[in-house]
Amino acid sequence: MKFIDTDLQDYTGNEITVFKNDDDATIMEFPTGSWLDNTNFYAKLFLGKCEACTDFYKDSFKGFTYDSVLVAGLGFGLIPNELDKVNNCSKIDVVEINQEVIDYHNISKHLSSEINIIKHDIFKYTTEDKYDLIIIDTVWEEEDMSDEQVQTLTSKFLNTNLNKGGVLYIPVKKKWLINK
């Protein structure tokens, strides 16, 4: 679910810059040159809700219900916002490593206070909480996550922090791993 661009503040920091482009769309840019834009497509794609999605994204969510979610990676907060406003999930925790991204959200105040943001590295984060869905949304390209990192996340979360039938989902790697 896209945010109203006028509700998003411009921001210039050391690790992110948030600005409106010539079309008044809001962009979050990182020093690496990678960027995110405030668009409906992103959250809908990764939550399997778009007609243009490949079968992997659409089919993965067919018949799967969830209410408690851990999201690794915050960005604009599009996925947590969709989970909150559209899916009405009762528990949404977000692990974000970049303090400046967290600070931007605290200043901008465009996310619901029901979304719990945790400053941590997902590869080092531990919790005793259990979730129906854990989404790993920390990279933009498949090659940005190694097979070893996928294995680390699988070992860390699959049988430990998922409810029975819960899913560890790594969309950029097209991984849908069910805790049986």
Protein backbone atom coordinates (compact mmCIF):
# COMPACT_ATOMS: atom_id res chain seq x y z
CA MET A 1 0.00 0.00 0.00
CA LYS A 2 1.58 3.21 -1.18
CA PHE A 3 1.87 6.21 1.12
CA ILE A 4 0.51 9.59 0.12
CA ASP A 5 3.66 11.28 -1.16
CA THR A 6 2.82 14.58 0.51
CA ASP A 7 2.83 12.72 3.85
CA LEU A 8 6.44 11.65 3.32
CA GLN A 9 9.05 14.18 4.37
CA ASP A 10 12.21 14.92 2.43
CA TYR A 11 15.33 13.92 4.32
CA THR A 12 19.06 14.19 3.78
CA GLY A 13 21.41 12.13 5.89
CA ASN A 14 24.67 10.25 5.61
CA GLU A 15 23.13 6.89 4.71
CA ILE A 16 19.84 7.79 2.99
CA THR A 17 18.28 10.64 1.09
CA VAL A 18 14.53 10.92 0.66
CA PHE A 19 13.23 13.27 -2.00
CA LYS A 20 10.46 13.87 -4.53
CA ASN A 21 11.35 13.27 -8.16
CA ASP A 22 10.06 15.36 -11.08
CA ASP A 23 6.77 13.41 -10.98
CA ASP A 24 6.37 14.13 -7.23
CA ALA A 25 6.96 10.46 -6.42
CA THR A 26 9.02 9.91 -3.28
CA ILE A 27 12.36 8.13 -3.60
CA MET A 28 14.65 6.74 -0.88
CA GLU A 29 18.21 6.61 -2.19
CA PHE A 30 21.26 4.96 -0.65
CA PRO A 31 24.94 5.91 -1.14
CA THR A 32 25.44 2.71 -3.18
CA GLY A 33 23.14 4.18 -5.83
CA SER A 34 20.34 1.73 -5.06
CA TRP A 35 16.94 3.23 -4.38
CA LEU A 36 13.34 2.49 -3.44
CA ASP A 37 10.29 4.31 -4.65
CA ASN A 38 6.98 4.76 -2.91
CA THR A 39 4.80 2.56 -5.11
CA ASN A 40 1.95 0.08 -4.71
CA PHE A 41 3.69 -2.52 -6.85
CA TYR A 42 6.50 -3.40 -4.46
CA ALA A 43 4.40 -4.61 -1.50
CA LYS A 44 1.82 -6.22 -3.76
CA LEU A 45 4.51 -8.16 -5.65
CA PHE A 46 6.22 -9.52 -2.53
CA LEU A 47 2.85 -10.36 -0.93
CA GLY A 48 1.58 -12.11 -4.07
CA LYS A 49 -1.25 -9.67 -4.72
CA CYS A 50 -0.61 -8.42 -8.24
CA GLU A 51 -1.88 -9.71 -11.54
CA ALA A 52 1.49 -9.07 -13.19
CA CYS A 53 3.31 -11.15 -10.56
CA THR A 54 5.02 -14.32 -11.65
CA ASP A 55 3.36 -17.54 -10.58
CA PHE A 56 5.84 -18.04 -7.75
CA TYR A 57 4.64 -14.91 -5.95
CA LYS A 58 0.93 -15.41 -6.64
CA ASP A 59 0.84 -19.15 -6.03
CA SER A 60 2.88 -19.09 -2.84
CA PHE A 61 0.21 -17.16 -0.97
CA LYS A 62 -2.80 -19.17 -2.27
CA GLY A 63 -4.53 -20.73 0.71
CA PHE A 64 -1.93 -19.39 3.16
CA THR A 65 -3.23 -17.27 6.01
CA TYR A 66 -1.14 -15.37 8.50
CA ASP A 67 -1.63 -12.91 11.33
CA SER A 68 1.78 -12.47 12.96
CA VAL A 69 4.69 -11.37 10.79
CA LEU A 70 8.37 -10.59 11.18
CA VAL A 71 9.80 -8.50 8.34
CA ALA A 72 13.55 -8.15 7.85
CA GLY A 73 14.21 -4.82 6.15
CA LEU A 74 12.18 -1.63 6.45
CA GLY A 75 12.85 0.67 3.51
CA PHE A 76 9.81 2.92 3.17
CA GLY A 77 7.74 0.51 5.23
CA LEU A 78 5.54 -0.51 2.30
CA ILE A 79 5.32 -4.19 3.27
CA PRO A 80 4.64 -3.52 6.98
CA ASN A 81 2.09 -0.87 6.00
CA GLU A 82 0.29 -3.34 3.69
CA LEU A 83 0.34 -5.96 6.44
CA ASP A 84 -1.15 -3.45 8.88
CA LYS A 85 -3.66 -1.48 6.81
CA VAL A 86 -4.80 -4.10 4.27
CA ASN A 87 -4.15 -7.48 5.90
CA ASN A 88 -4.93 -6.29 9.45
CA CYS A 89 -2.20 -8.45 10.96
CA SER A 90 -2.23 -8.38 14.75
CA LYS A 91 1.56 -8.50 15.18
CA ILE A 92 4.09 -6.85 12.86
CA ASP A 93 7.72 -6.71 13.94
CA VAL A 94 10.35 -5.23 11.62
CA VAL A 95 14.09 -5.75 12.02
CA GLU A 96 16.14 -2.95 10.43
CA ILE A 97 19.92 -2.63 10.66
CA ASN A 98 20.17 0.99 9.48
CA GLN A 99 19.53 3.46 12.32
CA GLU A 100 19.09 6.33 9.86
CA VAL A 101 16.20 4.49 8.14
CA ILE A 102 14.59 4.02 11.56
CA ASP A 103 15.20 7.68 12.44
CA TYR A 104 13.55 8.75 9.17
CA HIS A 105 10.41 6.80 10.06
CA ASN A 106 10.38 8.25 13.57
CA ILE A 107 10.62 11.78 12.14
CA SER A 108 8.17 11.24 9.29
CA LYS A 109 5.62 9.36 11.43
CA HIS A 110 3.93 7.82 8.37
CA LEU A 111 3.88 4.29 9.82
CA SER A 112 1.33 3.08 12.33
CA SER A 113 2.53 2.89 15.92
CA GLU A 114 1.27 -0.72 15.85
CA ILE A 115 4.32 -1.64 13.75
CA ASN A 116 7.20 -2.54 16.06
CA ILE A 117 10.60 -1.52 14.62
CA ILE A 118 13.65 -3.28 16.08
CA LYS A 119 17.18 -1.99 15.42
CA HIS A 120 19.22 -5.11 14.67
CA ASP A 121 20.98 -7.21 12.05
CA ILE A 122 18.64 -10.03 10.96
CA PHE A 123 21.59 -12.44 10.80
CA LYS A 124 22.37 -11.79 14.49
CA TYR A 125 18.84 -11.12 15.76
CA THR A 126 17.31 -13.62 18.16
CA THR A 127 13.84 -13.70 19.61
CA GLU A 128 11.62 -16.20 21.36
CA ASP A 129 8.55 -14.89 19.53
CA LYS A 130 6.80 -17.11 17.00
CA TYR A 131 5.33 -15.90 13.72
CA ASP A 132 3.09 -17.19 10.96
CA LEU A 133 5.27 -15.50 8.34
CA ILE A 134 8.87 -14.26 8.32
CA ILE A 135 9.74 -12.16 5.26
CA ILE A 136 13.39 -11.51 4.44
CA ASP A 137 13.40 -8.28 2.41
CA THR A 138 16.93 -7.02 2.88
CA VAL A 139 18.35 -7.17 -0.65
CA TRP A 140 17.33 -5.92 -4.08
CA GLU A 141 18.98 -8.50 -6.30
CA GLU A 142 19.20 -12.28 -6.04
CA GLU A 143 23.00 -12.21 -6.25
CA ASP A 144 23.13 -9.89 -3.22
CA MET A 145 22.29 -12.83 -0.94
CA SER A 146 24.55 -15.86 -0.83
CA ASP A 147 23.42 -19.45 -0.42
CA GLU A 148 25.25 -19.43 2.91
CA GLN A 149 23.15 -16.48 4.08
CA VAL A 150 19.97 -18.29 3.02
CA GLN A 151 21.13 -21.34 4.99
CA THR A 152 21.91 -19.15 8.03
CA LEU A 153 18.41 -17.65 7.98
CA THR A 154 16.82 -21.05 7.44
CA SER A 155 18.73 -22.59 10.35
CA LYS A 156 18.01 -19.59 12.54
CA PHE A 157 14.26 -19.15 11.96
CA LEU A 158 12.58 -22.09 10.22
CA ASN A 159 12.06 -24.48 13.13
CA THR A 160 12.58 -21.95 15.90
CA ASN A 161 10.46 -18.86 15.33
CA LEU A 162 7.66 -20.06 13.08
CA ASN A 163 4.33 -21.43 14.20
CA LYS A 164 3.43 -24.85 12.78
CA GLY A 165 2.60 -24.28 9.10
CA GLY A 166 4.36 -20.92 9.22
CA VAL A 167 6.57 -19.78 6.36
CA LEU A 168 10.08 -18.39 6.02
CA TYR A 169 9.83 -16.37 2.81
CA ILE A 170 12.82 -14.95 0.95
CA PRO A 171 11.17 -13.35 -2.09
CA VAL A 172 14.28 -12.22 -3.97
CA LYS A 173 15.63 -15.80 -3.83
CA LYS A 174 12.15 -17.29 -4.49
CA LYS A 175 12.31 -19.34 -1.30
CA TRP A 176 9.07 -20.40 0.43
CA LEU A 177 10.00 -22.68 3.32
CA ILE A 178 7.22 -24.16 5.47
CA ASN A 179 7.69 -25.15 9.10
CA LYS A 180 6.05 -28.56 9.25
